[in-house]
N, C-alpha and C. Protein backbone atom coordinates (compact mmCIF):
# COMPACT_ATOMS: atom_id res chain seq x y z
N UNK A 1 53.95 120.69 67.38
CA UNK A 1 53.59 122.12 67.94
C UNK A 1 54.65 123.00 68.10
N UNK A 2 55.48 122.49 68.81
CA UNK A 2 56.32 124.09 68.81
C UNK A 2 56.85 125.11 68.30
N UNK A 3 56.56 124.16 66.93
CA UNK A 3 56.58 125.51 65.89
C UNK A 3 55.72 126.41 65.72
N UNK A 4 54.56 126.12 66.11
CA UNK A 4 53.55 127.71 66.40
C UNK A 4 53.43 128.17 67.24
N UNK A 5 54.15 127.80 68.43
CA UNK A 5 54.26 129.03 69.48
C UNK A 5 55.30 128.38 70.99
N UNK A 6 55.31 129.39 71.50
CA UNK A 6 56.55 128.99 71.96
C UNK A 6 55.57 128.17 73.17
N UNK A 7 56.72 126.90 73.69
CA UNK A 7 55.58 126.11 74.84
C UNK A 7 55.05 126.65 75.69
N UNK A 8 55.33 127.77 76.53
CA UNK A 8 54.63 128.43 77.79
C UNK A 8 53.42 129.32 77.35
N UNK A 9 53.26 129.16 76.17
CA UNK A 9 51.96 130.24 75.71
C UNK A 9 50.52 129.10 75.65
N UNK A 10 49.68 129.72 76.26
CA UNK A 10 48.17 129.41 76.34
C UNK A 10 48.27 129.09 74.84
N UNK A 11 47.49 127.59 74.42
CA UNK A 11 47.17 127.45 73.06
C UNK A 11 45.66 126.50 73.12
N UNK A 12 44.92 126.41 72.66
CA UNK A 12 44.06 125.30 72.41
C UNK A 12 44.43 124.08 72.27
N UNK A 13 43.66 123.58 72.81
CA UNK A 13 43.73 122.39 71.95
C UNK A 13 42.65 121.54 71.37
N UNK A 14 42.81 120.58 70.15
CA UNK A 14 41.97 119.50 70.02
C UNK A 14 42.52 119.38 68.98
N UNK A 15 41.79 118.19 68.33
CA UNK A 15 42.28 116.52 67.87
C UNK A 15 42.61 117.16 66.28
N UNK A 16 42.09 118.85 66.00
CA UNK A 16 42.53 119.11 64.79
C UNK A 16 43.62 119.93 64.82
N UNK A 17 43.90 120.62 65.15
CA UNK A 17 45.74 121.48 65.67
C UNK A 17 46.44 120.38 65.54
N UNK A 18 46.39 118.63 66.69
CA UNK A 18 47.16 118.04 67.12
C UNK A 18 46.97 117.79 65.27
N UNK A 19 46.57 117.06 64.83
CA UNK A 19 46.66 116.80 63.26
C UNK A 19 47.25 117.60 62.58
N UNK A 20 46.74 118.75 62.45
CA UNK A 20 47.15 119.33 61.68
C UNK A 20 48.34 119.86 62.36
N UNK A 21 49.18 119.89 62.64
CA UNK A 21 50.46 119.97 63.15
C UNK A 21 51.27 118.57 62.77
N UNK A 22 50.95 117.48 63.11
CA UNK A 22 51.41 116.51 62.87
C UNK A 22 51.43 116.36 61.10
N UNK A 23 50.31 116.88 60.35
CA UNK A 23 50.49 116.94 59.33
C UNK A 23 51.91 117.25 58.01
N UNK A 24 51.51 118.69 59.12
CA UNK A 24 52.39 119.67 58.13
C UNK A 24 54.24 119.24 58.20
N UNK A 25 54.44 118.77 59.70
CA UNK A 25 55.54 118.06 60.14
C UNK A 25 56.16 116.96 59.58
N UNK A 26 55.46 115.83 60.93
CA UNK A 26 55.56 114.49 60.64
C UNK A 26 55.35 113.67 59.55
N UNK A 27 54.31 114.01 58.82
CA UNK A 27 54.00 113.13 57.74
C UNK A 27 54.84 113.78 56.74
N UNK A 28 54.96 114.68 56.49
CA UNK A 28 55.85 115.29 55.48
C UNK A 28 57.35 114.53 55.37
N UNK A 29 58.03 114.89 56.53
CA UNK A 29 59.01 113.77 56.59
C UNK A 29 59.12 112.49 56.90
N UNK A 30 58.39 111.57 57.18
CA UNK A 30 57.63 110.03 57.01
C UNK A 30 57.63 109.78 55.38
N UNK A 31 56.95 110.55 54.43
CA UNK A 31 56.25 110.59 53.53
C UNK A 31 58.37 110.64 52.73
N UNK A 32 58.75 111.78 52.92
CA UNK A 32 60.16 111.59 52.33
C UNK A 32 60.86 110.29 52.33
N UNK A 33 60.68 110.03 54.21
CA UNK A 33 61.66 108.53 54.18
C UNK A 33 60.96 107.43 53.41
N UNK A 34 59.94 107.40 53.25
CA UNK A 34 59.19 106.38 52.46
C UNK A 34 59.45 106.29 51.20
N UNK A 35 59.73 107.73 50.22
CA UNK A 35 60.16 107.68 49.02
C UNK A 35 61.48 106.99 49.01
N UNK A 36 62.23 107.69 50.17
CA UNK A 36 63.40 106.87 49.87
C UNK A 36 63.93 105.66 50.14
N UNK A 37 63.00 105.44 51.07
CA UNK A 37 63.00 103.43 51.31
C UNK A 37 62.05 103.09 50.50
N UNK A 38 61.31 102.81 49.51
CA UNK A 38 60.55 102.55 49.02
C UNK A 38 62.03 102.28 47.73
N UNK A 39 62.50 103.38 47.33
CA UNK A 39 63.54 103.37 45.70
C UNK A 39 64.57 103.05 46.18
N UNK A 40 65.23 103.13 47.34
CA UNK A 40 66.56 102.81 48.16
C UNK A 40 66.24 101.03 47.77
N UNK A 41 65.24 100.48 48.34
CA UNK A 41 65.54 98.95 47.93
C UNK A 41 64.96 98.50 46.62
N UNK A 42 64.16 99.06 45.74
CA UNK A 42 64.24 98.49 45.03
C UNK A 42 65.01 98.42 43.57
N UNK A 43 65.82 99.64 43.92
CA UNK A 43 66.89 99.60 43.30
C UNK A 43 68.69 99.14 44.42
N UNK A 44 68.13 98.68 45.25
CA UNK A 44 69.25 98.07 46.11
C UNK A 44 70.29 98.74 46.09
N UNK A 45 70.03 100.06 46.90
CA UNK A 45 70.81 100.98 47.54
C UNK A 45 71.41 100.23 48.60
N UNK A 46 72.83 100.56 48.53
CA UNK A 46 73.10 100.34 49.73
C UNK A 46 74.24 101.96 50.24
N UNK A 47 74.04 102.27 51.12
CA UNK A 47 75.00 103.87 51.55
C UNK A 47 76.40 103.35 51.91
N UNK A 48 76.48 102.13 52.02
CA UNK A 48 77.76 101.66 52.37
C UNK A 48 78.94 101.91 51.31
N UNK A 49 78.07 100.75 50.57
CA UNK A 49 78.78 100.60 49.24
C UNK A 49 78.76 101.45 47.95
N UNK A 50 77.72 101.80 47.81
CA UNK A 50 77.30 102.72 46.78
C UNK A 50 77.31 104.29 46.77
N UNK A 51 78.39 104.48 47.83
CA UNK A 51 78.96 105.27 47.34
C UNK A 51 79.92 105.88 45.92
N UNK A 52 79.44 107.30 45.58
CA UNK A 52 79.88 108.05 44.70
C UNK A 52 78.77 109.07 43.85
N UNK A 53 79.09 109.01 43.07
CA UNK A 53 78.63 109.70 42.03
C UNK A 53 79.24 111.45 41.76
N UNK A 54 78.22 112.22 41.58
CA UNK A 54 78.92 113.68 41.20
C UNK A 54 77.60 114.38 41.35
N UNK A 55 77.75 114.84 42.81
CA UNK A 55 76.39 115.74 43.28
C UNK A 55 76.18 116.73 42.71
N UNK A 56 74.81 116.95 42.37
CA UNK A 56 73.89 118.21 41.40
C UNK A 56 74.18 119.01 42.06
N UNK A 57 74.20 120.24 41.40
CA UNK A 57 73.68 121.78 41.78
C UNK A 57 72.57 121.61 43.78
N UNK A 58 71.11 120.53 43.08
CA UNK A 58 70.15 120.38 43.97
C UNK A 58 70.77 119.88 45.42
N UNK A 59 72.14 118.74 44.98
CA UNK A 59 72.49 118.26 45.70
C UNK A 59 73.09 119.13 46.97
N UNK A 60 74.15 119.98 46.29
CA UNK A 60 74.64 120.82 47.08
C UNK A 60 74.06 122.06 47.88
N UNK A 61 72.92 122.05 47.09
CA UNK A 61 71.74 123.33 47.84
C UNK A 61 71.70 122.12 49.09
N UNK A 62 70.62 121.59 49.27
CA UNK A 62 69.55 120.47 49.80
C UNK A 62 71.14 120.22 51.13
N UNK A 63 72.18 119.64 50.82
CA UNK A 63 73.51 119.79 51.85
C UNK A 63 73.55 121.13 52.73
N UNK A 64 73.80 121.95 52.04
CA UNK A 64 74.15 123.51 52.26
C UNK A 64 73.00 123.73 53.43
N UNK A 65 71.60 123.52 52.97
CA UNK A 65 70.43 123.80 53.88
C UNK A 65 70.82 123.42 55.51
N UNK A 66 70.67 122.32 54.75
CA UNK A 66 70.99 121.05 55.85
C UNK A 66 71.85 121.32 56.74
N UNK A 67 72.86 121.81 56.95
CA UNK A 67 74.26 122.56 57.18
C UNK A 67 74.02 124.16 58.33
N UNK A 68 72.54 124.45 57.17
CA UNK A 68 72.86 125.50 57.95
C UNK A 68 71.71 125.71 59.05
N UNK A 69 70.89 124.49 58.79
CA UNK A 69 69.85 124.53 59.88
C UNK A 69 70.49 124.01 61.03
N UNK A 70 71.67 122.83 60.75
CA UNK A 70 71.92 122.19 61.68
C UNK A 70 72.52 123.40 62.73
N UNK A 71 73.48 124.22 62.45
CA UNK A 71 73.88 125.70 62.76
C UNK A 71 72.50 126.31 63.40
N UNK A 72 71.30 126.72 62.65
CA UNK A 72 70.49 127.33 63.45
C UNK A 72 69.71 126.93 64.68
N UNK A 73 69.67 125.18 64.39
CA UNK A 73 68.85 124.65 65.42
C UNK A 73 70.27 124.31 66.76
N UNK A 74 70.81 124.25 66.39
CA UNK A 74 72.05 123.89 67.73
C UNK A 74 72.00 125.52 68.39
N UNK A 75 72.31 126.31 67.47
CA UNK A 75 72.24 127.54 68.43
C UNK A 75 71.25 128.21 69.52
N UNK A 76 69.71 127.50 68.83
CA UNK A 76 68.32 128.21 69.35
C UNK A 76 68.54 127.12 70.38
N UNK A 77 68.70 126.21 70.61
CA UNK A 77 68.65 125.39 71.44
C UNK A 77 70.19 125.49 72.61
N UNK A 78 71.08 126.21 72.50
CA UNK A 78 71.92 126.86 73.13
C UNK A 78 71.44 127.96 73.76
N UNK A 79 70.80 128.49 73.75
CA UNK A 79 69.39 129.31 74.23
C UNK A 79 68.94 129.66 74.38
N UNK A 80 67.67 127.96 74.44
CA UNK A 80 66.30 127.61 74.96
C UNK A 80 65.65 128.22 74.36
N UNK A 81 65.87 128.59 73.29
CA UNK A 81 64.87 128.75 72.39
C UNK A 81 64.65 127.41 71.45
N UNK A 82 63.74 127.13 72.14
CA UNK A 82 63.54 125.31 71.35
C UNK A 82 62.55 125.90 69.96
N UNK A 83 62.10 126.58 70.38
CA UNK A 83 60.93 127.40 69.20
C UNK A 83 61.53 127.93 68.30
N UNK A 84 62.22 128.59 68.01
CA UNK A 84 63.02 128.69 66.93
C UNK A 84 63.67 127.76 66.58
N UNK A 85 64.45 126.93 67.24
CA UNK A 85 64.91 125.37 66.18
C UNK A 85 63.89 124.91 65.96
N UNK A 86 62.68 124.38 66.40
CA UNK A 86 61.48 123.61 65.43
C UNK A 86 61.01 124.30 64.47
N UNK A 87 60.82 125.51 64.33
CA UNK A 87 60.62 126.37 63.15
C UNK A 87 61.41 126.28 62.36
N UNK A 88 62.55 126.30 62.11
CA UNK A 88 63.94 125.96 61.41
C UNK A 88 63.65 124.10 60.86
N UNK A 89 63.21 123.79 61.49
CA UNK A 89 63.42 122.60 61.25
C UNK A 89 61.99 121.77 60.37
N UNK A 90 61.36 122.61 60.77
CA UNK A 90 60.06 122.48 59.97
C UNK A 90 60.54 123.25 58.39
N UNK A 91 60.74 124.42 58.49
CA UNK A 91 61.02 124.43 57.09
C UNK A 91 61.89 123.95 56.10
N UNK A 92 63.10 122.96 56.78
CA UNK A 92 63.42 122.65 56.31
C UNK A 92 62.92 121.26 55.65
N UNK A 93 62.16 120.64 56.47
CA UNK A 93 61.11 119.58 56.03
C UNK A 93 60.11 119.57 54.73
N UNK A 94 59.68 121.13 55.04
CA UNK A 94 59.09 121.49 53.95
C UNK A 94 59.94 121.45 52.37
N UNK A 95 61.02 122.18 52.90
CA UNK A 95 62.23 122.47 51.21
C UNK A 95 62.64 121.24 50.84
N UNK A 96 63.02 120.23 51.66
CA UNK A 96 63.05 118.43 51.50
C UNK A 96 62.31 118.25 50.51
N UNK A 97 60.95 118.24 50.72
CA UNK A 97 59.50 117.45 50.11
C UNK A 97 59.41 118.10 48.87
N UNK A 98 59.42 119.92 49.30
CA UNK A 98 59.23 120.34 47.65
C UNK A 98 59.82 120.84 46.81
N UNK A 99 61.19 120.83 47.28
CA UNK A 99 62.12 120.86 46.53
C UNK A 99 62.91 120.28 46.01
N UNK A 100 63.35 119.21 46.51
CA UNK A 100 64.89 118.50 46.90
C UNK A 100 64.17 117.15 46.24
N UNK A 101 63.18 116.44 47.17
CA UNK A 101 62.54 115.29 46.69
C UNK A 101 61.83 115.48 45.21
N UNK A 102 61.03 116.48 45.17
CA UNK A 102 60.18 116.97 43.59
C UNK A 102 61.16 117.12 42.70
N UNK A 103 61.62 117.70 42.45
CA UNK A 103 63.02 118.14 41.20
C UNK A 103 63.92 117.00 40.81
N UNK A 104 64.12 115.88 42.24
CA UNK A 104 64.78 114.53 41.84
C UNK A 104 64.37 113.04 41.47
N UNK A 105 62.87 113.55 41.61
CA UNK A 105 62.49 112.19 41.23
C UNK A 105 62.41 111.57 40.09
N UNK A 106 62.72 112.51 38.76
CA UNK A 106 63.34 112.03 37.51
C UNK A 106 64.60 110.79 38.11
N UNK A 107 65.86 111.39 38.57
CA UNK A 107 66.69 110.70 38.77
C UNK A 107 66.47 109.02 39.30
N UNK A 108 65.45 109.28 40.94
CA UNK A 108 65.19 108.18 41.43
C UNK A 108 64.29 106.71 40.00
N UNK A 109 63.57 107.62 39.41
CA UNK A 109 62.64 106.78 38.82
C UNK A 109 63.78 106.49 37.52
N UNK A 110 65.01 107.12 37.05
CA UNK A 110 65.44 106.12 35.80
C UNK A 110 66.05 104.76 36.18
N UNK A 111 66.47 104.32 35.03
CA UNK A 111 66.72 102.74 35.45
C UNK A 111 68.18 102.60 35.50
N UNK A 112 68.39 101.00 36.19
CA UNK A 112 69.54 100.52 36.58
C UNK A 112 69.89 101.97 37.90
N UNK A 113 71.33 101.44 38.38
CA UNK A 113 72.17 102.33 39.29
C UNK A 113 72.86 103.26 38.53
N UNK A 114 72.46 104.55 37.85
CA UNK A 114 73.55 105.79 37.43
C UNK A 114 74.13 106.25 38.70
N UNK A 115 75.49 107.26 38.00
CA UNK A 115 76.09 108.06 39.40
C UNK A 115 75.29 109.29 39.41
N UNK A 116 74.37 109.55 38.78
CA UNK A 116 73.50 110.80 39.12
C UNK A 116 72.68 109.88 40.17
N UNK A 117 71.74 108.33 39.95
CA UNK A 117 70.57 107.97 40.92
C UNK A 117 71.60 107.69 42.43
N UNK A 118 72.69 107.09 41.71
CA UNK A 118 73.57 107.27 43.41
C UNK A 118 74.18 108.82 44.33
N UNK A 119 74.24 109.41 43.60
CA UNK A 119 74.86 110.52 44.01
C UNK A 119 72.76 111.22 44.88
N UNK A 120 72.11 110.73 44.51
CA UNK A 120 70.82 111.29 44.92
C UNK A 120 70.63 110.46 46.15
N UNK A 121 71.01 109.39 46.14
CA UNK A 121 70.47 108.57 47.42
C UNK A 121 71.52 108.76 48.46
N UNK A 122 72.58 108.62 48.17
CA UNK A 122 73.78 109.41 49.33
C UNK A 122 73.68 110.36 49.88
N UNK A 123 72.81 111.34 48.69
CA UNK A 123 72.43 112.80 49.48
C UNK A 123 70.42 112.56 50.08
N UNK A 124 70.25 111.86 50.11
CA UNK A 124 68.94 111.86 51.01
C UNK A 124 69.31 111.24 52.11
N UNK A 125 70.10 109.99 51.92
CA UNK A 125 70.38 109.42 52.78
C UNK A 125 71.06 110.15 54.17
N UNK A 126 71.68 110.78 53.46
CA UNK A 126 72.46 111.68 54.45
C UNK A 126 71.73 112.29 55.05
N UNK A 127 71.14 113.05 54.29
CA UNK A 127 70.01 114.42 54.59
C UNK A 127 69.06 113.62 56.17
N UNK A 128 68.40 112.52 55.38
CA UNK A 128 67.45 112.07 56.85
C UNK A 128 68.45 111.18 57.70
N UNK A 129 69.42 110.76 57.52
CA UNK A 129 70.29 110.61 58.90
C UNK A 129 70.60 111.53 59.62
N UNK A 130 70.85 112.62 59.23
CA UNK A 130 71.26 113.66 60.24
C UNK A 130 69.93 114.43 60.68
N UNK A 131 69.36 114.10 59.82
CA UNK A 131 67.94 115.75 60.12
C UNK A 131 67.26 114.42 61.35
N UNK A 132 67.53 112.91 61.40
CA UNK A 132 66.96 112.43 62.92
C UNK A 132 67.58 112.58 63.65
N UNK A 133 69.03 113.02 63.75
CA UNK A 133 69.83 113.22 64.96
C UNK A 133 69.43 114.13 65.13
N UNK A 134 69.04 115.64 64.48
CA UNK A 134 69.03 116.82 64.73
C UNK A 134 67.29 116.76 65.57
N UNK A 135 66.79 116.15 65.01
CA UNK A 135 65.39 115.91 65.68
C UNK A 135 65.23 115.26 66.79
N UNK A 136 65.74 114.28 66.97
CA UNK A 136 65.68 113.62 68.18
C UNK A 136 65.00 114.20 69.34
N UNK A 137 65.82 115.08 69.97
CA UNK A 137 65.43 115.85 71.30
C UNK A 137 63.65 116.68 70.92
N UNK A 138 63.03 116.67 69.63
CA UNK A 138 62.40 116.93 69.43
C UNK A 138 60.84 115.78 69.34
N UNK A 139 61.00 114.98 67.99
CA UNK A 139 60.32 113.65 68.36
C UNK A 139 61.35 112.68 68.77
N UNK A 140 61.75 112.27 69.77
CA UNK A 140 62.29 111.21 69.79
C UNK A 140 61.86 110.07 69.30
N UNK A 141 60.51 109.31 69.55
CA UNK A 141 59.87 108.06 68.85
C UNK A 141 60.25 108.35 67.17
N UNK A 142 59.55 108.84 66.79
CA UNK A 142 59.59 109.18 65.24
C UNK A 142 61.17 109.24 64.65
N UNK A 143 61.92 109.55 65.31
CA UNK A 143 63.00 109.46 64.24
C UNK A 143 63.95 108.53 65.00
N UNK A 144 63.84 107.93 65.89
CA UNK A 144 64.21 106.50 66.29
C UNK A 144 63.96 105.71 65.44
N UNK A 145 62.54 105.48 64.86
CA UNK A 145 62.01 104.89 63.85
C UNK A 145 62.92 104.69 62.63
N UNK A 146 62.95 106.12 61.81
CA UNK A 146 63.48 106.70 60.62
C UNK A 146 65.17 106.04 60.66
N UNK A 147 65.52 106.42 61.88
CA UNK A 147 67.41 105.76 62.59
C UNK A 147 67.22 105.21 62.31
N UNK A 148 66.64 104.88 63.19
CA UNK A 148 67.22 102.17 63.16
C UNK A 148 66.84 101.70 62.27
N UNK A 149 65.91 102.32 61.39
CA UNK A 149 65.73 102.24 60.27
C UNK A 149 66.82 101.69 58.60
N UNK A 150 67.21 103.33 59.16
CA UNK A 150 68.44 103.54 57.71
C UNK A 150 69.89 103.17 58.86
N UNK A 151 70.60 103.31 59.80
CA UNK A 151 71.49 103.25 60.20
C UNK A 151 71.44 101.63 61.46
N UNK A 152 70.70 101.17 61.41
CA UNK A 152 70.28 99.83 62.42
C UNK A 152 70.96 99.60 63.52
N UNK A 153 70.72 101.13 64.31
CA UNK A 153 70.93 101.87 65.42
C UNK A 153 70.19 103.16 65.94
N UNK A 154 70.62 103.11 67.11
CA UNK A 154 69.55 104.11 67.80
C UNK A 154 69.61 105.40 67.97
N UNK A 155 68.96 106.04 67.77
CA UNK A 155 69.48 107.53 67.26
C UNK A 155 69.94 108.16 69.00
N UNK A 156 69.55 107.68 69.87
CA UNK A 156 69.37 108.47 71.01
C UNK A 156 71.46 108.21 71.66
N UNK A 157 71.58 106.69 70.79
CA UNK A 157 73.18 106.53 71.02
C UNK A 157 74.18 107.13 69.91
N UNK A 158 73.34 107.59 69.17
CA UNK A 158 74.50 108.85 68.27
C UNK A 158 75.04 109.54 69.10
N UNK A 159 75.83 110.66 67.89
CA UNK A 159 76.36 111.34 68.46
C UNK A 159 75.20 113.19 67.61
N UNK A 160 75.51 114.01 68.38
CA UNK A 160 74.21 115.33 67.90
C UNK A 160 74.88 115.20 66.53
N UNK A 161 73.98 115.96 65.62
CA UNK A 161 74.92 116.18 64.33
C UNK A 161 75.86 117.35 64.77
N UNK A 162 77.32 117.77 63.88
CA UNK A 162 77.62 118.72 63.58
C UNK A 162 77.92 119.08 62.58
N UNK A 163 77.83 120.74 63.13
CA UNK A 163 78.07 121.30 61.41
C UNK A 163 79.62 121.46 61.08
N UNK A 164 78.97 121.51 59.30
CA UNK A 164 80.21 121.30 58.60
C UNK A 164 80.19 122.52 57.83
N UNK A 165 80.52 124.50 58.26
CA UNK A 165 80.62 124.92 57.50
C UNK A 165 81.20 124.92 56.32
N UNK A 166 82.42 124.31 55.97
CA UNK A 166 82.90 124.23 54.36
C UNK A 166 81.76 123.54 53.65
N UNK A 167 80.61 123.57 53.78
CA UNK A 167 79.49 122.51 53.18
C UNK A 167 78.40 123.69 53.04
N UNK A 168 78.32 124.70 53.57
CA UNK A 168 77.55 125.94 53.55
C UNK A 168 77.71 127.02 52.73
N UNK A 169 76.79 126.92 51.49
CA UNK A 169 76.93 128.08 50.52
C UNK A 169 75.57 128.84 50.15
N UNK A 170 75.96 130.02 50.86
CA UNK A 170 74.93 131.04 51.49
C UNK A 170 73.95 131.41 49.83
N UNK A 171 74.82 131.55 49.00
CA UNK A 171 75.09 132.22 47.43
C UNK A 171 73.78 130.98 46.83
N UNK A 172 73.87 129.83 46.89
CA UNK A 172 73.56 128.97 46.16
C UNK A 172 72.59 128.68 47.16
N UNK A 173 72.28 129.22 48.49
CA UNK A 173 71.11 128.67 49.17
C UNK A 173 70.44 130.22 48.66
């Protein structure tokens, strides 16, 4: 709801409006998390021991986008412009689902734990973990559920994600 307009503006409130806002952001995020958790469980992926693999251009792109979004959201929160931060997150979740996950499906569906699949799992794990931390002030309960399932700890006890400028590739984005 914050991505649609500033909280101080009047809004028409209805079940349909809330359902649409939830579907656009929260349900998409939950679908990405469900995709990751289902295939990670099937392949018995362990983020602590299954590290490695060579990042594809798509992996580098989503990591670059994640760091750009961390930068934008942190700046908007610092500027007390929570609506701008919510919009950045909303756009990123759409890109994560419709570009990264869709374009990576074949990697996750391949047989065995290849380096390519390991890299895909590692990248998606990292994105979901940091995205949960980034979204925690906006959606505390959903992010707590996702983060605690990924890390086995509370998102609210973790540090807020820190921007890594070296991972941003504006040309790739």
